[in-house]
Amino acid sequence: QVQLVESGGGLVQPGGSLRLSCAASGFSFKDYDLRWYRQAPGMERVLIALITSASSIYYADSLRGRFTISRDNAKNMVYLQMNSLKPDDTAVYYCAAAQDRYWGQGTQVTVSS
């Protein structure tokens, strides 16, 4: 069955970095776009980064320059490197695949001193 499992979240101080990972299985990983979303408390879930099967990349304007999405098709992994984190980045982060047909369970990122 299809699985997406995020990891790498946690508590980090403002200005710090985290690298989120998403391990995928059960579908033809290399053939699909992969996305990272986040959902802050009381807010809607929003798309923050996307990498296509051809490795074209999109970022939400507010995050460009701080976040980097990447994929490793050999390992069926997608990553989100997050730098210069701010308290406003606090959210549950989700990976999704195949035009959002598949979702992970989310990983909590908290940015606080």
C-alpha atoms as a PDB file:
ATOM      1  CA  GLN A   1       0.000   0.000   0.000  1.00  0.00           C
ATOM      2  CA  VAL A   2       1.024   3.612  -0.470  1.00  0.00           C
ATOM      3  CA  GLN A   3       2.885   5.194   2.404  1.00  0.00           C
ATOM      4  CA  LEU A   4       4.397   8.604   2.955  1.00  0.00           C
ATOM      5  CA  VAL A   5       6.188   9.039   6.250  1.00  0.00           C
ATOM      6  CA  GLU A   6       7.582  12.409   7.283  1.00  0.00           C
ATOM      7  CA  SER A   7      10.352  12.865   9.817  1.00  0.00           C
ATOM      8  CA  GLY A   8      12.768  15.509  11.009  1.00  0.00           C
ATOM      9  CA  GLY A   9      10.431  17.920  12.728  1.00  0.00           C
ATOM     10  CA  GLY A  10      10.971  19.262  16.201  1.00  0.00           C
ATOM     11  CA  LEU A  11      11.660  22.328  18.286  1.00  0.00           C
ATOM     12  CA  VAL A  12      14.198  24.802  16.940  1.00  0.00           C
ATOM     13  CA  GLN A  13      15.212  28.313  17.920  1.00  0.00           C
ATOM     14  CA  PRO A  14      14.560  31.259  15.601  1.00  0.00           C
ATOM     15  CA  GLY A  15      17.293  31.436  12.997  1.00  0.00           C
ATOM     16  CA  GLY A  16      17.902  27.717  13.160  1.00  0.00           C
ATOM     17  CA  SER A  17      17.569  25.033  10.520  1.00  0.00           C
ATOM     18  CA  LEU A  18      15.762  21.747  10.097  1.00  0.00           C
ATOM     19  CA  ARG A  19      15.709  19.172   7.365  1.00  0.00           C
ATOM     20  CA  LEU A  20      12.447  17.346   6.851  1.00  0.00           C
ATOM     21  CA  SER A  21      12.408  13.989   5.119  1.00  0.00           C
ATOM     22  CA  CYS A  22       9.570  12.067   3.554  1.00  0.00           C
ATOM     23  CA  ALA A  23       9.961   8.382   2.798  1.00  0.00           C
ATOM     24  CA  ALA A  24       7.640   7.056   0.109  1.00  0.00           C
ATOM     25  CA  SER A  25       6.618   3.559  -0.853  1.00  0.00           C
ATOM     26  CA  GLY A  26       3.914   1.719  -2.739  1.00  0.00           C
ATOM     27  CA  PHE A  27       3.810   3.783  -5.927  1.00  0.00           C
ATOM     28  CA  SER A  28       6.046   4.723  -8.833  1.00  0.00           C
ATOM     29  CA  PHE A  29       7.831   7.523  -6.999  1.00  0.00           C
ATOM     30  CA  LYS A  30       9.950   8.815  -9.854  1.00  0.00           C
ATOM     31  CA  ASP A  31       6.923   9.419 -12.064  1.00  0.00           C
ATOM     32  CA  TYR A  32       5.119  11.835  -9.771  1.00  0.00           C
ATOM     33  CA  ASP A  33       5.290  15.384  -8.533  1.00  0.00           C
ATOM     34  CA  LEU A  34       6.003  15.732  -4.832  1.00  0.00           C
ATOM     35  CA  ARG A  35       4.786  18.529  -2.615  1.00  0.00           C
ATOM     36  CA  TRP A  36       5.314  19.940   0.833  1.00  0.00           C
ATOM     37  CA  TYR A  37       2.447  21.656   2.585  1.00  0.00           C
ATOM     38  CA  ARG A  38       2.155  23.181   6.002  1.00  0.00           C
ATOM     39  CA  GLN A  39      -0.718  23.965   8.306  1.00  0.00           C
ATOM     40  CA  ALA A  40      -0.289  26.481  11.059  1.00  0.00           C
ATOM     41  CA  PRO A  41      -2.605  26.475  14.083  1.00  0.00           C
ATOM     42  CA  GLY A  42      -6.042  27.759  13.107  1.00  0.00           C
ATOM     43  CA  MET A  43      -5.032  28.148   9.471  1.00  0.00           C
ATOM     44  CA  GLU A  44      -5.655  26.284   6.239  1.00  0.00           C
ATOM     45  CA  ARG A  45      -3.138  23.875   4.829  1.00  0.00           C
ATOM     46  CA  VAL A  46      -1.054  25.628   2.178  1.00  0.00           C
ATOM     47  CA  LEU A  47       1.353  24.504  -0.511  1.00  0.00           C
ATOM     48  CA  ILE A  48       4.893  25.661   0.173  1.00  0.00           C
ATOM     49  CA  ALA A  49       7.079  23.741  -2.266  1.00  0.00           C
ATOM     50  CA  LEU A  50       6.745  21.407  -5.202  1.00  0.00           C
ATOM     51  CA  ILE A  51       9.198  19.350  -7.233  1.00  0.00           C
ATOM     52  CA  THR A  52       8.058  17.729 -10.442  1.00  0.00           C
ATOM     53  CA  SER A  53       9.070  14.374 -11.846  1.00  0.00           C
ATOM     54  CA  ALA A  54      11.495  16.301 -14.051  1.00  0.00           C
ATOM     55  CA  SER A  55      12.815  18.132 -10.963  1.00  0.00           C
ATOM     56  CA  SER A  56      11.323  21.497 -11.823  1.00  0.00           C
ATOM     57  CA  ILE A  57      10.735  23.377  -8.599  1.00  0.00           C
ATOM     58  CA  TYR A  58       8.180  25.835  -7.251  1.00  0.00           C
ATOM     59  CA  TYR A  59       8.196  27.694  -3.960  1.00  0.00           C
ATOM     60  CA  ALA A  60       5.672  29.872  -2.256  1.00  0.00           C
ATOM     61  CA  ASP A  61       6.924  33.431  -2.696  1.00  0.00           C
ATOM     62  CA  SER A  62       7.286  34.051   1.015  1.00  0.00           C
ATOM     63  CA  LEU A  63       9.639  31.090   1.438  1.00  0.00           C
ATOM     64  CA  ARG A  64      11.867  31.358  -1.592  1.00  0.00           C
ATOM     65  CA  GLY A  65      15.486  31.634  -0.528  1.00  0.00           C
ATOM     66  CA  ARG A  66      15.014  30.012   2.875  1.00  0.00           C
ATOM     67  CA  PHE A  67      13.558  26.618   1.967  1.00  0.00           C
ATOM     68  CA  THR A  68      14.926  24.076  -0.500  1.00  0.00           C
ATOM     69  CA  ILE A  69      13.045  21.057  -1.803  1.00  0.00           C
ATOM     70  CA  SER A  70      14.871  18.098  -3.289  1.00  0.00           C
ATOM     71  CA  ARG A  71      14.223  14.495  -4.188  1.00  0.00           C
ATOM     72  CA  ASP A  72      16.206  11.280  -4.402  1.00  0.00           C
ATOM     73  CA  ASN A  73      14.495   8.887  -6.767  1.00  0.00           C
ATOM     74  CA  ALA A  74      16.920   6.091  -5.930  1.00  0.00           C
ATOM     75  CA  LYS A  75      15.842   6.219  -2.285  1.00  0.00           C
ATOM     76  CA  ASN A  76      12.205   7.258  -2.812  1.00  0.00           C
ATOM     77  CA  MET A  77      12.794  10.267  -0.606  1.00  0.00           C
ATOM     78  CA  VAL A  78      11.816  13.913  -0.750  1.00  0.00           C
ATOM     79  CA  TYR A  79      13.412  16.527   1.483  1.00  0.00           C
ATOM     80  CA  LEU A  80      12.734  20.032   2.665  1.00  0.00           C
ATOM     81  CA  GLN A  81      15.721  21.955   3.950  1.00  0.00           C
ATOM     82  CA  MET A  82      14.518  24.881   6.050  1.00  0.00           C
ATOM     83  CA  ASN A  83      16.923  27.644   7.037  1.00  0.00           C
ATOM     84  CA  SER A  84      16.595  30.915   8.933  1.00  0.00           C
ATOM     85  CA  LEU A  85      13.474  29.626  10.609  1.00  0.00           C
ATOM     86  CA  LYS A  86      11.023  32.076  12.122  1.00  0.00           C
ATOM     87  CA  PRO A  87       8.263  31.631  14.690  1.00  0.00           C
ATOM     88  CA  ASP A  88       5.767  32.050  11.819  1.00  0.00           C
ATOM     89  CA  ASP A  89       7.133  28.820  10.328  1.00  0.00           C
ATOM     90  CA  THR A  90       5.598  26.898  13.214  1.00  0.00           C
ATOM     91  CA  ALA A  91       3.203  24.402  11.666  1.00  0.00           C
ATOM     92  CA  VAL A  92       2.563  20.778  10.885  1.00  0.00           C
ATOM     93  CA  TYR A  93       4.414  19.940   7.684  1.00  0.00           C
ATOM     94  CA  TYR A  94       3.024  17.366   5.264  1.00  0.00           C
ATOM     95  CA  CYS A  95       4.370  15.717   2.168  1.00  0.00           C
ATOM     96  CA  ALA A  96       2.035  14.733  -0.628  1.00  0.00           C
ATOM     97  CA  ALA A  97       2.357  12.942  -3.931  1.00  0.00           C
ATOM     98  CA  ALA A  98       0.500  12.199  -7.138  1.00  0.00           C
ATOM     99  CA  GLN A  99      -1.543  15.384  -7.311  1.00  0.00           C
ATOM    100  CA  ASP A 100      -2.331  15.106  -3.623  1.00  0.00           C
ATOM    101  CA  ARG A 101      -3.783  11.636  -3.832  1.00  0.00           C
ATOM    102  CA  TYR A 102      -1.308  10.466  -1.229  1.00  0.00           C
ATOM    103  CA  TRP A 103      -0.482  12.183   2.061  1.00  0.00           C
ATOM    104  CA  GLY A 104       1.797  11.640   4.981  1.00  0.00           C
ATOM    105  CA  GLN A 105       0.722  12.005   8.581  1.00  0.00           C
ATOM    106  CA  GLY A 106       2.629  15.231   9.114  1.00  0.00           C
ATOM    107  CA  THR A 107       5.515  16.294  11.300  1.00  0.00           C
ATOM    108  CA  GLN A 108       5.390  19.151  13.791  1.00  0.00           C
ATOM    109  CA  VAL A 109       7.845  22.014  13.470  1.00  0.00           C
ATOM    110  CA  THR A 110       7.947  24.512  16.300  1.00  0.00           C
ATOM    111  CA  VAL A 111      10.155  27.584  16.098  1.00  0.00           C
ATOM    112  CA  SER A 112      10.505  29.194  19.482  1.00  0.00           C
ATOM    113  CA  SER A 113      13.106  30.501  21.878  1.00  0.00           C
END
